[in-house]
N, C-alpha and C. Protein backbone atom coordinates (compact mmCIF):
# COMPACT_ATOMS: atom_id res chain seq x y z
N MET A 1 1.12 -13.63 36.95
CA MET A 1 2.07 -15.01 37.44
C MET A 1 2.92 -14.96 35.60
N SER A 2 3.74 -15.88 35.28
CA SER A 2 4.09 -15.66 34.28
C SER A 2 3.64 -17.33 33.92
N PRO A 3 4.04 -17.87 32.76
CA PRO A 3 3.06 -19.55 32.59
C PRO A 3 4.54 -20.25 32.23
N ALA A 4 5.47 -20.35 32.65
CA ALA A 4 6.24 -21.84 33.55
C ALA A 4 6.37 -20.69 34.78
N LEU A 5 5.61 -20.11 35.58
CA LEU A 5 5.72 -20.68 37.02
C LEU A 5 4.34 -21.03 36.79
N THR A 6 3.00 -20.58 36.16
CA THR A 6 2.16 -21.19 36.64
C THR A 6 2.50 -22.60 36.39
N SER A 7 3.22 -22.89 35.31
CA SER A 7 2.91 -24.96 34.70
C SER A 7 3.57 -25.35 36.02
N LEU A 8 4.66 -24.87 36.55
CA LEU A 8 6.28 -25.14 37.51
C LEU A 8 4.60 -25.26 38.80
N LEU A 9 4.08 -24.62 39.31
CA LEU A 9 3.34 -25.00 39.85
C LEU A 9 1.75 -26.12 39.56
N THR A 10 1.77 -26.00 39.08
CA THR A 10 0.56 -27.09 38.21
C THR A 10 1.31 -28.45 38.51
N LEU A 11 2.44 -29.11 38.44
CA LEU A 11 3.34 -30.36 37.51
C LEU A 11 3.45 -30.63 38.96
N GLY A 12 3.72 -28.95 39.45
CA GLY A 12 4.44 -29.56 41.48
C GLY A 12 2.92 -30.41 42.43
N GLY A 13 2.18 -29.68 42.05
CA GLY A 13 0.43 -29.80 42.64
C GLY A 13 -0.26 -31.24 42.33
N VAL A 14 0.62 -31.54 41.07
CA VAL A 14 0.14 -32.86 40.54
C VAL A 14 0.87 -33.70 40.86
N ILE A 15 2.42 -33.62 41.60
CA ILE A 15 2.68 -34.63 41.86
C ILE A 15 2.11 -35.07 43.64
N VAL A 16 2.56 -34.22 44.12
CA VAL A 16 2.26 -34.04 45.79
C VAL A 16 0.71 -34.69 45.86
N ALA A 17 0.08 -34.49 45.18
CA ALA A 17 -1.79 -35.70 45.35
C ALA A 17 -1.83 -36.45 44.67
N GLY A 18 -0.44 -37.11 43.92
CA GLY A 18 -0.01 -37.91 42.90
C GLY A 18 0.88 -39.29 44.07
N LEU A 19 1.15 -38.04 45.40
CA LEU A 19 2.17 -39.22 46.46
C LEU A 19 1.43 -40.48 47.08
N PRO A 20 0.58 -40.05 47.37
CA PRO A 20 -0.87 -41.36 48.58
C PRO A 20 -0.74 -42.41 46.08
N LEU A 21 -1.09 -41.83 45.87
CA LEU A 21 -1.37 -43.42 44.56
C LEU A 21 -0.21 -44.61 44.56
N LEU A 22 1.26 -44.01 45.28
CA LEU A 22 2.01 -44.96 45.13
C LEU A 22 2.00 -45.60 46.42
N TRP A 23 1.31 -44.83 47.33
CA TRP A 23 0.98 -45.82 48.19
C TRP A 23 -0.10 -47.22 48.59
N LEU A 24 -0.23 -46.18 47.82
CA LEU A 24 -2.33 -47.29 47.43
C LEU A 24 -1.67 -48.68 46.55
N THR A 25 -1.56 -48.96 45.20
CA THR A 25 -1.62 -48.80 44.82
C THR A 25 0.14 -49.79 44.74
N ALA A 26 0.27 -49.07 46.28
CA ALA A 26 1.74 -50.63 45.99
C ALA A 26 1.48 -52.51 46.68
N PRO A 27 1.89 -53.24 46.09
CA PRO A 27 1.59 -54.29 46.55
C PRO A 27 1.57 -55.00 47.66
N ALA A 28 0.40 -55.59 48.01
CA ALA A 28 0.44 -55.45 49.97
C ALA A 28 0.91 -57.12 50.81
N LYS A 29 1.66 -56.14 51.36
CA LYS A 29 2.42 -57.47 52.25
C LYS A 29 1.85 -58.73 52.48
N PRO A 30 2.41 -59.32 52.45
CA PRO A 30 1.98 -61.08 52.55
C PRO A 30 1.73 -61.27 53.75
N THR A 31 0.68 -61.56 54.16
CA THR A 31 0.40 -61.41 55.78
C THR A 31 0.40 -63.82 56.03
N PRO A 32 0.21 -64.24 56.93
CA PRO A 32 0.41 -65.51 57.26
C PRO A 32 -0.45 -65.57 57.35
N ASN A 33 -0.40 -66.91 56.61
CA ASN A 33 -2.19 -67.99 56.25
C ASN A 33 -2.14 -68.58 57.44
N THR A 34 -3.57 -68.24 57.58
CA THR A 34 -4.12 -68.77 60.00
C THR A 34 -4.45 -69.19 59.31
N ILE A 35 -4.87 -70.99 59.78
CA ILE A 35 -5.86 -71.98 59.71
C ILE A 35 -6.70 -71.83 60.95
N GLU A 36 -7.95 -72.21 60.82
CA GLU A 36 -8.18 -71.73 62.86
C GLU A 36 -9.09 -73.17 62.75
N GLN A 37 -7.58 -73.74 64.23
CA GLN A 37 -7.98 -74.64 64.45
C GLN A 37 -9.40 -75.08 65.49
N GLN A 38 -9.67 -76.14 65.64
CA GLN A 38 -11.22 -76.07 65.64
C GLN A 38 -11.08 -77.63 66.22
N ALA A 39 -11.72 -77.72 67.66
CA ALA A 39 -10.98 -78.22 68.43
C ALA A 39 -11.98 -79.06 68.24
N PRO A 40 -10.80 -80.68 68.40
CA PRO A 40 -11.52 -82.05 67.91
C PRO A 40 -12.51 -82.77 68.44
N ALA A 41 -14.08 -83.29 67.81
CA ALA A 41 -15.26 -83.27 68.26
C ALA A 41 -15.09 -84.43 68.97
N THR A 42 -15.56 -84.27 70.43
CA THR A 42 -15.75 -85.55 71.50
C THR A 42 -17.53 -86.16 70.67
N MET A 43 -16.41 -87.83 70.29
CA MET A 43 -17.78 -88.79 70.66
C MET A 43 -18.62 -89.45 71.56
N GLN A 44 -20.15 -88.85 71.17
CA GLN A 44 -21.09 -88.20 72.45
C GLN A 44 -21.88 -90.07 72.18
N GLU A 45 -22.90 -90.57 72.78
CA GLU A 45 -23.77 -91.20 71.94
C GLU A 45 -25.59 -90.60 71.56
N VAL A 46 -25.05 -90.33 70.39
CA VAL A 46 -26.53 -90.16 70.20
C VAL A 46 -27.10 -91.21 69.86
N TYR A 47 -29.49 -90.86 69.80
CA TYR A 47 -30.33 -92.06 69.69
C TYR A 47 -31.12 -91.25 68.64
N LEU A 48 -30.79 -92.21 67.34
CA LEU A 48 -31.33 -92.25 66.19
C LEU A 48 -32.76 -92.48 66.14
N THR A 49 -33.86 -91.79 65.64
CA THR A 49 -35.15 -92.13 64.89
C THR A 49 -35.14 -91.94 62.95
N VAL A 50 -34.92 -93.21 62.56
CA VAL A 50 -35.74 -91.83 61.21
C VAL A 50 -36.72 -92.58 60.78
N HIS A 51 -37.99 -91.86 60.77
CA HIS A 51 -38.82 -92.45 59.79
C HIS A 51 -39.10 -92.04 58.49
N PHE A 52 -39.81 -92.62 57.69
CA PHE A 52 -39.78 -92.48 56.00
C PHE A 52 -41.25 -92.95 55.65
N SER A 53 -41.36 -92.64 54.24
CA SER A 53 -42.49 -92.51 53.30
C SER A 53 -42.60 -94.48 52.54
N GLY A 54 -42.92 -94.88 52.33
CA GLY A 54 -43.25 -95.59 51.18
C GLY A 54 -43.23 -96.92 51.92
N SER A 55 -42.61 -97.82 51.47
CA SER A 55 -41.90 -98.80 51.19
C SER A 55 -40.32 -98.66 51.79
N PRO A 56 -38.50 -98.31 51.37
CA PRO A 56 -37.87 -97.87 51.21
C PRO A 56 -36.76 -100.11 51.28
N SER A 57 -36.59 -100.01 49.99
CA SER A 57 -35.76 -101.76 49.76
C SER A 57 -34.72 -101.33 50.62
N ALA A 58 -34.22 -100.11 50.87
CA ALA A 58 -32.62 -99.82 51.78
C ALA A 58 -32.76 -98.50 51.76
N ILE A 59 -31.82 -98.66 52.75
CA ILE A 59 -31.84 -97.33 53.40
C ILE A 59 -29.85 -97.24 54.96
N THR A 60 -28.81 -96.57 54.12
CA THR A 60 -28.74 -96.51 54.57
C THR A 60 -27.73 -94.26 55.54
N LEU A 61 -26.68 -94.68 56.10
CA LEU A 61 -26.34 -93.45 56.99
C LEU A 61 -24.86 -93.44 57.47
N ARG A 62 -24.39 -92.22 56.45
CA ARG A 62 -23.01 -92.59 56.29
C ARG A 62 -22.57 -91.01 57.03
N HIS A 63 -21.13 -91.02 57.77
CA HIS A 63 -20.73 -89.54 58.39
C HIS A 63 -19.55 -90.35 57.75
N ASP A 64 -19.31 -89.05 57.38
CA ASP A 64 -17.81 -88.71 56.75
C ASP A 64 -17.14 -90.18 56.05
N GLY A 65 -18.19 -90.58 54.90
CA GLY A 65 -17.84 -91.41 54.02
C GLY A 65 -18.43 -92.68 54.34
N ALA A 66 -18.05 -92.92 55.85
CA ALA A 66 -18.28 -94.23 56.69
C ALA A 66 -19.17 -94.39 57.26
N THR A 67 -20.20 -95.93 56.76
CA THR A 67 -21.07 -96.56 57.51
C THR A 67 -21.26 -96.72 58.49
N ILE A 68 -22.97 -95.54 58.43
CA ILE A 68 -22.56 -96.11 60.71
C ILE A 68 -24.19 -96.45 60.62
N ALA A 69 -24.98 -96.95 59.88
CA ALA A 69 -26.02 -97.29 59.96
C ALA A 69 -27.02 -97.70 58.22
N ALA A 70 -26.74 -99.50 58.37
CA ALA A 70 -27.23 -99.95 57.08
C ALA A 70 -28.98 -100.78 57.16
N TRP A 71 -30.20 -101.20 57.07
CA TRP A 71 -31.32 -101.26 56.89
C TRP A 71 -31.15 -101.63 56.04
N GLN A 72 -32.15 -103.17 55.42
CA GLN A 72 -32.46 -103.69 54.71
C GLN A 72 -33.59 -104.04 54.06
N ALA A 73 -34.73 -103.85 53.65
CA ALA A 73 -36.59 -103.73 54.34
C ALA A 73 -36.85 -103.40 55.34
N PRO A 74 -36.74 -102.46 55.44
CA PRO A 74 -37.48 -101.80 56.68
C PRO A 74 -38.58 -101.66 56.06
N THR A 75 -39.13 -101.61 58.10
CA THR A 75 -41.49 -101.47 57.89
C THR A 75 -41.49 -101.03 58.15
N ALA A 76 -41.43 -100.30 59.87
CA ALA A 76 -41.77 -99.72 60.48
C ALA A 76 -40.47 -98.44 60.88
N GLU A 77 -40.34 -97.38 61.60
CA GLU A 77 -39.46 -96.32 62.26
C GLU A 77 -38.10 -96.79 62.12
N LEU A 78 -37.05 -96.61 62.48
CA LEU A 78 -36.22 -97.47 62.70
C LEU A 78 -35.44 -96.22 64.35
N THR A 79 -34.49 -97.55 64.69
CA THR A 79 -33.69 -95.92 65.88
C THR A 79 -32.56 -97.14 66.14
N ALA A 80 -31.40 -96.26 66.71
CA ALA A 80 -30.64 -96.37 66.73
C ALA A 80 -29.69 -95.73 67.48
N ALA A 81 -27.90 -95.94 68.73
CA ALA A 81 -27.78 -95.46 69.35
C ALA A 81 -26.82 -95.44 68.88
N LEU A 82 -26.13 -94.27 68.22
CA LEU A 82 -24.75 -94.07 67.72
C LEU A 82 -23.40 -93.42 68.63
N GLN A 83 -22.47 -94.13 68.22
CA GLN A 83 -21.68 -92.70 68.47
C GLN A 83 -20.98 -91.71 67.77
N LEU A 84 -21.89 -91.48 68.21
CA LEU A 84 -21.23 -89.96 66.62
C LEU A 84 -19.98 -88.61 67.74
N PRO A 85 -19.25 -87.83 66.24
CA PRO A 85 -18.23 -86.82 66.84
C PRO A 85 -19.14 -85.67 67.82
N MET A 86 -19.69 -85.37 68.14
CA MET A 86 -20.84 -84.24 67.87
C MET A 86 -19.78 -82.24 68.28
N SER A 87 -20.56 -82.49 67.60
CA SER A 87 -19.68 -80.41 67.46
C SER A 87 -20.91 -79.60 67.50
N ASP A 88 -20.98 -77.99 66.25
CA ASP A 88 -21.66 -77.54 66.95
C ASP A 88 -22.46 -77.86 65.53
N THR A 89 -22.18 -78.55 64.95
CA THR A 89 -22.71 -78.42 62.94
C THR A 89 -22.21 -80.11 62.56
N LEU A 90 -23.52 -81.04 62.12
CA LEU A 90 -22.95 -82.70 62.01
C LEU A 90 -23.82 -83.16 61.18
N GLU A 91 -23.20 -83.39 60.43
CA GLU A 91 -23.52 -84.11 58.42
C GLU A 91 -23.60 -85.26 59.13
N LEU A 92 -25.00 -85.85 57.87
CA LEU A 92 -25.29 -87.35 57.90
C LEU A 92 -25.49 -87.25 56.70
N GLU A 93 -25.29 -88.35 55.64
CA GLU A 93 -25.09 -88.48 54.46
C GLU A 93 -25.98 -90.05 54.58
N ALA A 94 -27.03 -89.76 53.54
CA ALA A 94 -28.58 -90.79 53.94
C ALA A 94 -28.78 -90.64 52.04
N GLU A 95 -28.79 -92.94 52.16
CA GLU A 95 -28.94 -92.51 50.45
C GLU A 95 -30.23 -94.10 51.22
N ALA A 96 -31.30 -94.02 50.47
CA ALA A 96 -32.27 -94.40 50.08
C ALA A 96 -32.78 -94.80 49.20
N HIS A 97 -33.08 -96.36 48.80
CA HIS A 97 -33.74 -97.24 47.60
C HIS A 97 -35.42 -97.45 48.29
N TRP A 98 -35.98 -96.54 47.02
CA TRP A 98 -37.48 -98.00 46.57
C TRP A 98 -36.80 -98.59 45.82
N GLN A 99 -38.83 -99.10 45.23
CA GLN A 99 -38.47 -99.82 44.03
C GLN A 99 -39.60 -98.19 42.81
N PRO A 100 -38.54 -99.29 41.45
CA PRO A 100 -37.79 -97.66 40.50
C PRO A 100 -39.50 -97.56 39.65
N ASP A 101 -40.82 -98.40 40.55
CA ASP A 101 -41.94 -98.62 40.11
C ASP A 101 -43.34 -97.46 40.99
N THR A 102 -42.26 -96.75 41.92
CA THR A 102 -43.03 -96.23 43.44
C THR A 102 -43.04 -95.28 42.54
N THR A 103 -44.18 -94.49 42.76
CA THR A 103 -44.82 -92.86 41.78
C THR A 103 -44.81 -92.25 43.07
N GLY A 104 -45.09 -90.94 42.94
CA GLY A 104 -44.84 -89.72 43.86
C GLY A 104 -42.98 -89.94 44.28
N SER A 105 -43.18 -89.06 45.13
CA SER A 105 -41.44 -88.25 46.39
C SER A 105 -41.72 -89.18 47.55
N ASN A 106 -40.87 -89.37 47.61
CA ASN A 106 -40.47 -90.33 48.58
C ASN A 106 -39.53 -89.77 49.99
N ALA A 107 -39.97 -89.52 51.02
CA ALA A 107 -39.41 -88.73 52.35
C ALA A 107 -38.24 -89.25 53.33
N ILE A 108 -37.04 -89.00 53.89
CA ILE A 108 -37.34 -89.79 54.74
C ILE A 108 -36.41 -88.18 55.96
N THR A 109 -37.37 -88.78 57.18
CA THR A 109 -36.80 -87.46 58.13
C THR A 109 -35.56 -88.52 59.05
N ILE A 110 -34.79 -87.82 59.39
CA ILE A 110 -33.70 -88.13 60.64
C ILE A 110 -33.51 -87.01 62.07
N THR A 111 -34.16 -87.52 63.20
CA THR A 111 -33.78 -86.60 64.44
C THR A 111 -32.63 -87.44 64.90
N LEU A 112 -31.87 -86.70 65.71
CA LEU A 112 -30.94 -87.02 66.54
C LEU A 112 -30.95 -86.16 67.42
N GLU A 113 -30.84 -87.26 68.90
CA GLU A 113 -31.27 -87.14 70.79
C GLU A 113 -29.75 -87.31 70.63
N PRO A 114 -28.82 -85.89 71.28
CA PRO A 114 -27.83 -86.40 71.94
C PRO A 114 -28.61 -85.62 73.56
N ALA A 115 -27.60 -86.09 74.08
CA ALA A 115 -27.40 -86.19 75.42
C ALA A 115 -27.08 -84.66 75.18
N ASN A 116 -28.48 -84.00 76.58
CA ASN A 116 -27.47 -82.44 76.55
C ASN A 116 -28.23 -81.44 76.32
N ARG A 117 -28.43 -81.68 74.92
CA ARG A 117 -28.24 -80.87 73.57
C ARG A 117 -29.73 -81.34 72.86
N GLU A 118 -31.02 -80.34 73.32
CA GLU A 118 -32.79 -80.42 72.19
C GLU A 118 -31.58 -81.47 71.35
N SER A 119 -32.76 -81.89 70.63
CA SER A 119 -33.35 -82.72 69.76
C SER A 119 -32.94 -82.00 68.49
N ARG A 120 -32.97 -82.08 67.39
CA ARG A 120 -33.28 -81.97 65.76
C ARG A 120 -33.44 -82.96 65.34
N SER A 121 -34.14 -81.97 64.44
CA SER A 121 -34.87 -83.48 62.19
C SER A 121 -34.50 -81.78 61.84
N CYS A 122 -34.44 -83.51 60.30
CA CYS A 122 -34.21 -82.67 59.08
C CYS A 122 -34.64 -83.71 58.40
N THR A 123 -35.93 -82.85 57.30
CA THR A 123 -35.73 -84.57 56.39
C THR A 123 -35.88 -83.87 54.86
N ARG A 124 -35.63 -84.23 53.52
CA ARG A 124 -35.21 -84.56 52.24
C ARG A 124 -36.12 -85.16 51.57
N TRP A 125 -36.07 -85.15 50.47
CA TRP A 125 -37.41 -85.52 50.37
C TRP A 125 -37.10 -85.66 48.05
N GLY A 126 -37.52 -86.64 47.83
CA GLY A 126 -36.37 -87.63 46.54
C GLY A 126 -37.47 -88.87 45.74
N ASP A 127 -36.77 -89.70 44.94
CA ASP A 127 -37.97 -90.60 44.04
C ASP A 127 -37.72 -91.63 44.61
N ALA A 128 -37.20 -92.24 43.16
CA ALA A 128 -36.95 -94.10 44.30
C ALA A 128 -35.67 -94.21 44.39
N LEU A 129 -34.48 -93.16 44.83
CA LEU A 129 -33.07 -93.06 44.93
C LEU A 129 -33.10 -91.28 45.51
N LEU A 130 -32.78 -91.52 46.62
CA LEU A 130 -32.73 -90.14 48.15
C LEU A 130 -31.92 -90.74 48.20
N HIS A 131 -30.62 -89.64 47.76
CA HIS A 131 -29.41 -89.44 48.20
C HIS A 131 -29.28 -87.60 48.59
N ASP A 132 -28.84 -87.12 49.15
CA ASP A 132 -28.53 -86.09 49.88
C ASP A 132 -27.89 -85.95 51.11
N ILE A 133 -28.02 -84.93 52.19
CA ILE A 133 -26.35 -85.18 52.72
C ILE A 133 -27.99 -84.28 54.15
N PHE A 134 -27.84 -84.81 55.74
CA PHE A 134 -28.91 -84.07 56.42
C PHE A 134 -27.62 -83.55 57.65
N THR A 135 -27.93 -82.08 57.60
CA THR A 135 -26.47 -81.03 58.26
C THR A 135 -27.66 -80.97 59.02
N PHE A 136 -27.17 -81.39 60.68
CA PHE A 136 -27.66 -80.29 61.88
C PHE A 136 -26.80 -79.91 63.25
N THR A 137 -27.56 -78.26 63.01
CA THR A 137 -26.76 -77.68 64.14
C THR A 137 -27.41 -77.25 64.89
N TRP A 138 -26.63 -77.28 66.03
CA TRP A 138 -26.69 -76.24 67.45
C TRP A 138 -26.30 -75.71 67.84
């Protein structure tokens, strides 16, 4: 074969091999943004028990930033019946204060007992201040 024909065939092969690159490197077509709509959680009565170590000066529980329960200087386990939105996951924010001179770590355990579901417990540890999110999943 002549050098011109070899060059022409090589150039044709490179062009044919490069055609898929145009398709592979083309900008992606925009896809519509879809947001999964979750069904609104229904309010349900939930029995709540709070166990703690030491002698906290205050314990506050919040859900979605709103205070749902607060106790000052509790001395024994705390119980309450609350109306909470029940879905597959529930997050409660807990804030507890102990005296600053308290030595060692302190703990809070929150147990939720919704109707027709298994009870769930969650424990968090802290020092003179415990401010954490308690996550419950069913």
